[in-house]
Amino acid sequence: MGTVFSFDIRDSDGRHSDPGPYVAEAVAWLHHVDEVFSTYKPDSAVSRLSRGEITLTGCPAEVADVLRLCESVVLVSHGYFTLHPRGRLDPSALVKGWAVERASAILRAAGAADHCVNGGGDVRLSGSPAPGRSWRVGVAHPLRPGELAAVVSGTDLAVATSGTAERGAHVVDPHTGRPAAGLASVTVVGPDLTLADAYATSAFAMGAAARDWVEGLHGYEAFAVTSSGATWRTSGLHPRSRGLTTT
């Protein structure tokens, strides 16, 4: 998927001395997702579907599942999430979070309840790093390389960021066809990384309207850095709830 994935697995109960087999299963899943959904590989199912060489019935079953999820986010986001950025089929704005969420589920099913899976900065936190402790996820400052804009702490949490820090102005506002403006980054926090990832892209495309929109999403909160360097957060994201610390 053109990015780096990492696993941090804790053995809080002492039952798992070798995480290798279930990490291997999770990694195999991520490679499968890359083979099916990569827009960089001309022979992937999504690339072939986009070119009209195959139909949806000729794709692996998970393609239809992902496209249905994407269509639901298109509706919820009032069209700010799109399946066709720059005119071609590309569900990448949801797929990475969906893939990491499934990889995390594989680890939990194997008994590794306490872990962190990081897919290019989109993070699924499961359990805790140690008894009585919370995971801590740094949010890179999009306008100050090498600095953090905030730290999110918590357990059993998904954290997804969309912004310009790593890939520049790559998110398009579907309503104008131009790169989204107004925000330098937005981080969405919630229970599921599939939706947090898609919602972060949607919110970034919205710009100034994102704050009110996220306020209306059940179970999800957001922290943003605007293009001028100002910051905002939704009402449910503060130290006494989600554990957000701005820097």
C-alpha atoms as a PDB file:
ATOM      1  CA  MET A   1       0.000   0.000   0.000  1.00  0.00           C
ATOM      2  CA  GLY A   2       2.977   2.269  -0.419  1.00  0.00           C
ATOM      3  CA  THR A   3       3.610   2.684   3.298  1.00  0.00           C
ATOM      4  CA  VAL A   4       5.140   1.003   6.356  1.00  0.00           C
ATOM      5  CA  PHE A   5       3.259  -1.202   8.845  1.00  0.00           C
ATOM      6  CA  SER A   6       4.469  -2.059  12.336  1.00  0.00           C
ATOM      7  CA  PHE A   7       3.314  -4.230  15.235  1.00  0.00           C
ATOM      8  CA  ASP A   8       3.849  -3.668  18.958  1.00  0.00           C
ATOM      9  CA  ILE A   9       2.609  -6.703  20.900  1.00  0.00           C
ATOM     10  CA  ARG A  10       2.606  -6.887  24.696  1.00  0.00           C
ATOM     11  CA  ASP A  11       2.371 -10.129  26.649  1.00  0.00           C
ATOM     12  CA  SER A  12       0.584  -8.862  29.712  1.00  0.00           C
ATOM     13  CA  ASP A  13      -0.589 -12.272  30.926  1.00  0.00           C
ATOM     14  CA  GLY A  14       2.578 -14.210  30.064  1.00  0.00           C
ATOM     15  CA  ARG A  15       0.769 -16.701  27.812  1.00  0.00           C
ATOM     16  CA  HIS A  16       2.464 -15.872  24.521  1.00  0.00           C
ATOM     17  CA  SER A  17       6.209 -16.299  24.324  1.00  0.00           C
ATOM     18  CA  ASP A  18       6.381 -16.319  20.518  1.00  0.00           C
ATOM     19  CA  PRO A  19       4.126 -13.894  18.622  1.00  0.00           C
ATOM     20  CA  GLY A  20       5.601 -14.962  15.281  1.00  0.00           C
ATOM     21  CA  PRO A  21       2.815 -17.239  13.977  1.00  0.00           C
ATOM     22  CA  TYR A  22      -0.068 -14.816  14.491  1.00  0.00           C
ATOM     23  CA  VAL A  23       1.965 -11.821  13.357  1.00  0.00           C
ATOM     24  CA  ALA A  24       2.759 -13.808  10.202  1.00  0.00           C
ATOM     25  CA  GLU A  25      -0.966 -14.374   9.669  1.00  0.00           C
ATOM     26  CA  ALA A  26      -1.676 -10.663  10.063  1.00  0.00           C
ATOM     27  CA  VAL A  27       1.153  -9.756   7.683  1.00  0.00           C
ATOM     28  CA  ALA A  28      -0.115 -12.273   5.122  1.00  0.00           C
ATOM     29  CA  TRP A  29      -3.516 -10.591   5.332  1.00  0.00           C
ATOM     30  CA  LEU A  30      -1.973  -7.165   4.661  1.00  0.00           C
ATOM     31  CA  HIS A  31      -0.093  -8.516   1.632  1.00  0.00           C
ATOM     32  CA  HIS A  32      -3.356  -9.998   0.334  1.00  0.00           C
ATOM     33  CA  VAL A  33      -5.086  -6.628   0.696  1.00  0.00           C
ATOM     34  CA  ASP A  34      -2.238  -4.990  -1.215  1.00  0.00           C
ATOM     35  CA  GLU A  35      -2.550  -7.518  -4.046  1.00  0.00           C
ATOM     36  CA  VAL A  36      -6.315  -6.957  -4.310  1.00  0.00           C
ATOM     37  CA  PHE A  37      -6.684  -3.212  -3.684  1.00  0.00           C
ATOM     38  CA  SER A  38      -3.430  -1.537  -4.710  1.00  0.00           C
ATOM     39  CA  THR A  39      -3.937   1.195  -7.288  1.00  0.00           C
ATOM     40  CA  TYR A  40      -0.193   1.054  -7.988  1.00  0.00           C
ATOM     41  CA  LYS A  41      -0.376  -2.522  -9.298  1.00  0.00           C
ATOM     42  CA  PRO A  42      -1.950  -2.762 -12.751  1.00  0.00           C
ATOM     43  CA  ASP A  43      -2.987  -6.379 -12.196  1.00  0.00           C
ATOM     44  CA  SER A  44      -4.779  -5.820  -8.867  1.00  0.00           C
ATOM     45  CA  ALA A  45      -8.512  -6.463  -8.813  1.00  0.00           C
ATOM     46  CA  VAL A  46      -9.264  -2.798  -8.153  1.00  0.00           C
ATOM     47  CA  SER A  47      -7.056  -1.620 -11.022  1.00  0.00           C
ATOM     48  CA  ARG A  48      -8.645  -4.081 -13.422  1.00  0.00           C
ATOM     49  CA  LEU A  49     -12.145  -3.163 -12.185  1.00  0.00           C
ATOM     50  CA  SER A  50     -11.367   0.522 -12.686  1.00  0.00           C
ATOM     51  CA  ARG A  51     -10.319  -0.124 -16.290  1.00  0.00           C
ATOM     52  CA  GLY A  52     -13.448  -2.176 -16.962  1.00  0.00           C
ATOM     53  CA  GLU A  53     -11.521  -5.395 -17.612  1.00  0.00           C
ATOM     54  CA  ILE A  54     -13.541  -7.300 -14.992  1.00  0.00           C
ATOM     55  CA  THR A  55     -16.844  -6.802 -13.216  1.00  0.00           C
ATOM     56  CA  LEU A  56     -17.484  -6.787  -9.496  1.00  0.00           C
ATOM     57  CA  THR A  57     -18.525 -10.444  -9.643  1.00  0.00           C
ATOM     58  CA  GLY A  58     -15.050 -11.263 -10.968  1.00  0.00           C
ATOM     59  CA  CYS A  59     -13.358  -9.703  -7.935  1.00  0.00           C
ATOM     60  CA  PRO A  60     -12.626 -11.265  -4.541  1.00  0.00           C
ATOM     61  CA  ALA A  61     -15.653 -10.974  -2.258  1.00  0.00           C
ATOM     62  CA  GLU A  62     -14.020  -8.361  -0.040  1.00  0.00           C
ATOM     63  CA  VAL A  63     -14.000  -5.834  -2.900  1.00  0.00           C
ATOM     64  CA  ALA A  64     -17.795  -5.619  -2.823  1.00  0.00           C
ATOM     65  CA  ASP A  65     -17.695  -5.328   0.975  1.00  0.00           C
ATOM     66  CA  VAL A  66     -15.232  -2.444   0.833  1.00  0.00           C
ATOM     67  CA  LEU A  67     -17.139  -0.626  -1.912  1.00  0.00           C
ATOM     68  CA  ARG A  68     -20.349  -0.880   0.136  1.00  0.00           C
ATOM     69  CA  LEU A  69     -18.547   0.612   3.134  1.00  0.00           C
ATOM     70  CA  CYS A  70     -17.198   3.405   0.947  1.00  0.00           C
ATOM     71  CA  GLU A  71     -20.645   4.194  -0.436  1.00  0.00           C
ATOM     72  CA  SER A  72     -22.001   4.473   3.103  1.00  0.00           C
ATOM     73  CA  VAL A  73     -19.283   7.010   3.971  1.00  0.00           C
ATOM     74  CA  VAL A  74     -20.044   8.949   0.770  1.00  0.00           C
ATOM     75  CA  LEU A  75     -23.592   9.385   2.061  1.00  0.00           C
ATOM     76  CA  VAL A  76     -22.637  10.196   5.663  1.00  0.00           C
ATOM     77  CA  SER A  77     -20.029  12.735   4.513  1.00  0.00           C
ATOM     78  CA  HIS A  78     -22.383  14.480   2.086  1.00  0.00           C
ATOM     79  CA  GLY A  79     -20.131  13.562  -0.800  1.00  0.00           C
ATOM     80  CA  TYR A  80     -16.842  14.785   0.667  1.00  0.00           C
ATOM     81  CA  PHE A  81     -15.629  11.201   0.649  1.00  0.00           C
ATOM     82  CA  THR A  82     -15.326   9.842  -2.873  1.00  0.00           C
ATOM     83  CA  LEU A  83     -14.599   6.507  -4.505  1.00  0.00           C
ATOM     84  CA  HIS A  84     -13.250   8.232  -7.605  1.00  0.00           C
ATOM     85  CA  PRO A  85     -10.609  10.798  -6.656  1.00  0.00           C
ATOM     86  CA  ARG A  86      -8.956  12.164  -9.793  1.00  0.00           C
ATOM     87  CA  GLY A  87     -11.444  10.278 -11.934  1.00  0.00           C
ATOM     88  CA  ARG A  88     -10.548   6.647 -11.230  1.00  0.00           C
ATOM     89  CA  LEU A  89     -11.759   4.008  -8.808  1.00  0.00           C
ATOM     90  CA  ASP A  90      -9.676   4.281  -5.641  1.00  0.00           C
ATOM     91  CA  PRO A  91     -11.002   3.118  -2.250  1.00  0.00           C
ATOM     92  CA  SER A  92      -7.597   3.651  -0.598  1.00  0.00           C
ATOM     93  CA  ALA A  93      -8.927   6.270   1.827  1.00  0.00           C
ATOM     94  CA  LEU A  94     -10.862   3.505   3.584  1.00  0.00           C
ATOM     95  CA  VAL A  95      -8.899   0.371   2.704  1.00  0.00           C
ATOM     96  CA  LYS A  96      -5.835   1.039   4.844  1.00  0.00           C
ATOM     97  CA  GLY A  97      -7.847   1.522   8.024  1.00  0.00           C
ATOM     98  CA  TRP A  98     -10.020  -1.474   7.147  1.00  0.00           C
ATOM     99  CA  ALA A  99      -6.945  -3.653   6.587  1.00  0.00           C
ATOM    100  CA  VAL A 100      -5.335  -2.617   9.871  1.00  0.00           C
ATOM    101  CA  GLU A 101      -8.597  -3.153  11.747  1.00  0.00           C
ATOM    102  CA  ARG A 102      -8.746  -6.722  10.392  1.00  0.00           C
ATOM    103  CA  ALA A 103      -5.073  -7.331  11.219  1.00  0.00           C
ATOM    104  CA  SER A 104      -5.783  -6.235  14.789  1.00  0.00           C
ATOM    105  CA  ALA A 105      -8.747  -8.618  14.935  1.00  0.00           C
ATOM    106  CA  ILE A 106      -6.472 -11.485  13.820  1.00  0.00           C
ATOM    107  CA  LEU A 107      -4.136 -10.758  16.728  1.00  0.00           C
ATOM    108  CA  ARG A 108      -6.998 -10.576  19.229  1.00  0.00           C
ATOM    109  CA  ALA A 109      -8.446 -13.860  17.982  1.00  0.00           C
ATOM    110  CA  ALA A 110      -5.050 -15.478  18.585  1.00  0.00           C
ATOM    111  CA  GLY A 111      -5.109 -14.259  22.187  1.00  0.00           C
ATOM    112  CA  ALA A 112      -2.813 -11.257  21.768  1.00  0.00           C
ATOM    113  CA  ALA A 113      -5.243  -8.781  23.303  1.00  0.00           C
ATOM    114  CA  ASP A 114      -2.702  -6.060  24.058  1.00  0.00           C
ATOM    115  CA  HIS A 115      -1.161  -4.647  20.900  1.00  0.00           C
ATOM    116  CA  CYS A 116      -0.735  -1.687  18.601  1.00  0.00           C
ATOM    117  CA  VAL A 117      -0.859  -1.977  14.807  1.00  0.00           C
ATOM    118  CA  ASN A 118       0.380   1.079  12.914  1.00  0.00           C
ATOM    119  CA  GLY A 119      -0.303   1.410   9.205  1.00  0.00           C
ATOM    120  CA  GLY A 120       1.447   4.500   7.904  1.00  0.00           C
ATOM    121  CA  GLY A 121       0.393   6.576  10.902  1.00  0.00           C
ATOM    122  CA  ASP A 122      -3.140   5.191  11.181  1.00  0.00           C
ATOM    123  CA  VAL A 123      -3.143   3.267  14.442  1.00  0.00           C
ATOM    124  CA  ARG A 124      -5.313   0.596  16.035  1.00  0.00           C
ATOM    125  CA  LEU A 125      -4.742   0.258  19.773  1.00  0.00           C
ATOM    126  CA  SER A 126      -6.023  -2.870  21.503  1.00  0.00           C
ATOM    127  CA  GLY A 127      -5.986  -3.447  25.241  1.00  0.00           C
ATOM    128  CA  SER A 128      -3.163  -1.655  27.022  1.00  0.00           C
ATOM    129  CA  PRO A 129       0.655  -1.609  26.878  1.00  0.00           C
ATOM    130  CA  ALA A 130       0.846  -2.697  30.537  1.00  0.00           C
ATOM    131  CA  PRO A 131      -1.590  -3.078  33.439  1.00  0.00           C
ATOM    132  CA  GLY A 132      -2.958   0.319  34.429  1.00  0.00           C
ATOM    133  CA  ARG A 133      -1.290   2.143  31.542  1.00  0.00           C
ATOM    134  CA  SER A 134      -2.591   3.738  28.341  1.00  0.00           C
ATOM    135  CA  TRP A 135      -1.149   3.702  24.858  1.00  0.00           C
ATOM    136  CA  ARG A 136       0.203   7.054  23.651  1.00  0.00           C
ATOM    137  CA  VAL A 137       0.098   8.120  19.998  1.00  0.00           C
ATOM    138  CA  GLY A 138       1.893  11.241  18.816  1.00  0.00           C
ATOM    139  CA  VAL A 139       0.249  13.384  16.132  1.00  0.00           C
ATOM    140  CA  ALA A 140       2.870  14.927  13.850  1.00  0.00           C
ATOM    141  CA  HIS A 141       2.628  18.678  13.396  1.00  0.00           C
ATOM    142  CA  PRO A 142       1.913  19.261   9.701  1.00  0.00           C
ATOM    143  CA  LEU A 143       3.560  22.693   9.643  1.00  0.00           C
ATOM    144  CA  ARG A 144       6.555  22.064  11.913  1.00  0.00           C
ATOM    145  CA  PRO A 145       8.587  19.055  10.748  1.00  0.00           C
ATOM    146  CA  GLY A 146       9.907  16.983  13.634  1.00  0.00           C
ATOM    147  CA  GLU A 147       7.403  18.351  16.156  1.00  0.00           C
ATOM    148  CA  LEU A 148       4.204  16.917  17.612  1.00  0.00           C
ATOM    149  CA  ALA A 149       0.933  18.808  17.526  1.00  0.00           C
ATOM    150  CA  ALA A 150      -0.748  16.563  20.108  1.00  0.00           C
ATOM    151  CA  VAL A 151      -0.590  13.225  21.886  1.00  0.00           C
ATOM    152  CA  VAL A 152      -3.606  10.930  22.069  1.00  0.00           C
ATOM    153  CA  SER A 153      -3.684   8.416  24.901  1.00  0.00           C
ATOM    154  CA  GLY A 154      -6.134   5.623  25.585  1.00  0.00           C
ATOM    155  CA  THR A 155      -6.966   1.929  25.345  1.00  0.00           C
ATOM    156  CA  ASP A 156      -8.972   0.049  22.708  1.00  0.00           C
ATOM    157  CA  LEU A 157      -8.902   3.019  20.376  1.00  0.00           C
ATOM    158  CA  ALA A 158      -8.429   3.877  16.691  1.00  0.00           C
ATOM    159  CA  VAL A 159      -6.494   6.982  15.639  1.00  0.00           C
ATOM    160  CA  ALA A 160      -6.335   8.150  12.007  1.00  0.00           C
ATOM    161  CA  THR A 161      -4.804  11.303  10.563  1.00  0.00           C
ATOM    162  CA  SER A 162      -5.230  12.915   7.162  1.00  0.00           C
ATOM    163  CA  GLY A 163      -3.035  15.838   6.198  1.00  0.00           C
ATOM    164  CA  THR A 164      -0.252  17.337   4.141  1.00  0.00           C
ATOM    165  CA  ALA A 165       2.752  16.413   6.307  1.00  0.00           C
ATOM    166  CA  GLU A 166       3.749  13.218   4.483  1.00  0.00           C
ATOM    167  CA  ARG A 167       2.211  13.382   1.006  1.00  0.00           C
ATOM    168  CA  GLY A 168       1.521  17.062   0.425  1.00  0.00           C
ATOM    169  CA  ALA A 169      -1.848  18.250  -0.902  1.00  0.00           C
ATOM    170  CA  HIS A 170      -3.115  14.827  -1.997  1.00  0.00           C
ATOM    171  CA  VAL A 171      -6.738  15.005  -0.773  1.00  0.00           C
ATOM    172  CA  VAL A 172      -9.161  16.416  -3.345  1.00  0.00           C
ATOM    173  CA  ASP A 173     -12.409  18.192  -2.512  1.00  0.00           C
ATOM    174  CA  PRO A 174     -14.861  16.210  -4.690  1.00  0.00           C
ATOM    175  CA  HIS A 175     -17.191  19.200  -4.941  1.00  0.00           C
ATOM    176  CA  THR A 176     -14.573  21.442  -6.557  1.00  0.00           C
ATOM    177  CA  GLY A 177     -12.104  18.969  -8.036  1.00  0.00           C
ATOM    178  CA  ARG A 178      -9.261  20.921  -6.443  1.00  0.00           C
ATOM    179  CA  PRO A 179      -6.952  20.041  -3.521  1.00  0.00           C
ATOM    180  CA  ALA A 180      -8.710  20.513  -0.198  1.00  0.00           C
ATOM    181  CA  ALA A 181      -7.855  23.732   1.605  1.00  0.00           C
ATOM    182  CA  GLY A 182      -8.413  25.067   5.095  1.00  0.00           C
ATOM    183  CA  LEU A 183      -6.843  22.306   7.165  1.00  0.00           C
ATOM    184  CA  ALA A 184      -3.227  21.176   7.384  1.00  0.00           C
ATOM    185  CA  SER A 185      -4.216  17.980   9.201  1.00  0.00           C
ATOM    186  CA  VAL A 186      -7.117  16.386  11.009  1.00  0.00           C
ATOM    187  CA  THR A 187      -6.957  13.432  13.390  1.00  0.00           C
ATOM    188  CA  VAL A 188     -10.072  11.357  14.041  1.00  0.00           C
ATOM    189  CA  VAL A 189     -10.339   9.181  17.153  1.00  0.00           C
ATOM    190  CA  GLY A 190     -12.938   6.469  17.668  1.00  0.00           C
ATOM    191  CA  PRO A 191     -13.667   2.770  18.176  1.00  0.00           C
ATOM    192  CA  ASP A 192     -13.024   1.505  14.633  1.00  0.00           C
ATOM    193  CA  LEU A 193     -10.118   2.337  12.315  1.00  0.00           C
ATOM    194  CA  THR A 194     -12.061   1.561   9.141  1.00  0.00           C
ATOM    195  CA  LEU A 195     -14.373   4.497   9.750  1.00  0.00           C
ATOM    196  CA  ALA A 196     -11.812   6.686  11.531  1.00  0.00           C
ATOM    197  CA  ASP A 197      -9.589   6.502   8.428  1.00  0.00           C
ATOM    198  CA  ALA A 198     -12.437   7.324   6.035  1.00  0.00           C
ATOM    199  CA  TYR A 199     -13.810  10.036   8.307  1.00  0.00           C
ATOM    200  CA  ALA A 200     -10.381  11.686   8.562  1.00  0.00           C
ATOM    201  CA  THR A 201     -10.169  11.953   4.775  1.00  0.00           C
ATOM    202  CA  SER A 202     -13.739  13.257   4.613  1.00  0.00           C
ATOM    203  CA  ALA A 203     -13.088  15.839   7.319  1.00  0.00           C
ATOM    204  CA  PHE A 204      -9.906  17.039   5.643  1.00  0.00           C
ATOM    205  CA  ALA A 205     -11.787  17.522   2.370  1.00  0.00           C
ATOM    206  CA  MET A 206     -14.471  19.553   4.196  1.00  0.00           C
ATOM    207  CA  GLY A 207     -12.075  22.080   5.666  1.00  0.00           C
ATOM    208  CA  ALA A 208     -13.842  24.579   7.915  1.00  0.00           C
ATOM    209  CA  ALA A 209     -17.073  22.559   8.003  1.00  0.00           C
ATOM    210  CA  ALA A 210     -15.354  19.492   9.453  1.00  0.00           C
ATOM    211  CA  ARG A 211     -15.681  20.383  13.122  1.00  0.00           C
ATOM    212  CA  ASP A 212     -19.480  20.572  13.133  1.00  0.00           C
ATOM    213  CA  TRP A 213     -19.705  17.444  10.989  1.00  0.00           C
ATOM    214  CA  VAL A 214     -17.559  15.333  13.319  1.00  0.00           C
ATOM    215  CA  GLU A 215     -19.548  16.629  16.298  1.00  0.00           C
ATOM    216  CA  GLY A 216     -22.530  14.833  14.768  1.00  0.00           C
ATOM    217  CA  LEU A 217     -20.767  11.471  14.400  1.00  0.00           C
ATOM    218  CA  HIS A 218     -21.577   8.991  17.154  1.00  0.00           C
ATOM    219  CA  GLY A 219     -18.465   7.797  18.985  1.00  0.00           C
ATOM    220  CA  TYR A 220     -15.919   9.795  16.974  1.00  0.00           C
ATOM    221  CA  GLU A 221     -13.977  12.941  17.845  1.00  0.00           C
ATOM    222  CA  ALA A 222     -11.412  15.061  16.019  1.00  0.00           C
ATOM    223  CA  PHE A 223      -8.395  17.311  16.525  1.00  0.00           C
ATOM    224  CA  ALA A 224      -7.228  19.566  13.690  1.00  0.00           C
ATOM    225  CA  VAL A 225      -4.471  21.958  12.731  1.00  0.00           C
ATOM    226  CA  THR A 226      -5.650  24.617  10.286  1.00  0.00           C
ATOM    227  CA  SER A 227      -3.611  25.893   7.363  1.00  0.00           C
ATOM    228  CA  SER A 228      -2.796  29.002   9.432  1.00  0.00           C
ATOM    229  CA  GLY A 229      -1.479  26.913  12.349  1.00  0.00           C
ATOM    230  CA  ALA A 230      -4.456  27.334  14.672  1.00  0.00           C
ATOM    231  CA  THR A 231      -5.960  24.233  16.294  1.00  0.00           C
ATOM    232  CA  TRP A 232      -9.411  23.021  17.250  1.00  0.00           C
ATOM    233  CA  ARG A 233     -10.918  19.912  18.821  1.00  0.00           C
ATOM    234  CA  THR A 234     -14.422  18.534  19.072  1.00  0.00           C
ATOM    235  CA  SER A 235     -16.239  18.745  22.389  1.00  0.00           C
ATOM    236  CA  GLY A 236     -15.701  15.129  23.434  1.00  0.00           C
ATOM    237  CA  LEU A 237     -11.943  15.204  22.976  1.00  0.00           C
ATOM    238  CA  HIS A 238     -10.271  16.500  26.122  1.00  0.00           C
ATOM    239  CA  PRO A 239      -7.944  15.170  28.821  1.00  0.00           C
ATOM    240  CA  ARG A 240     -10.742  13.818  30.984  1.00  0.00           C
ATOM    241  CA  SER A 241     -12.241  11.680  28.201  1.00  0.00           C
ATOM    242  CA  ARG A 242     -10.099  10.612  25.268  1.00  0.00           C
ATOM    243  CA  GLY A 243      -6.818  11.810  26.732  1.00  0.00           C
ATOM    244  CA  LEU A 244      -5.655  14.408  24.199  1.00  0.00           C
ATOM    245  CA  THR A 245      -2.656  16.528  25.133  1.00  0.00           C
ATOM    246  CA  THR A 246      -1.683  19.377  22.826  1.00  0.00           C
ATOM    247  CA  THR A 247       1.970  20.365  22.583  1.00  0.00           C
END
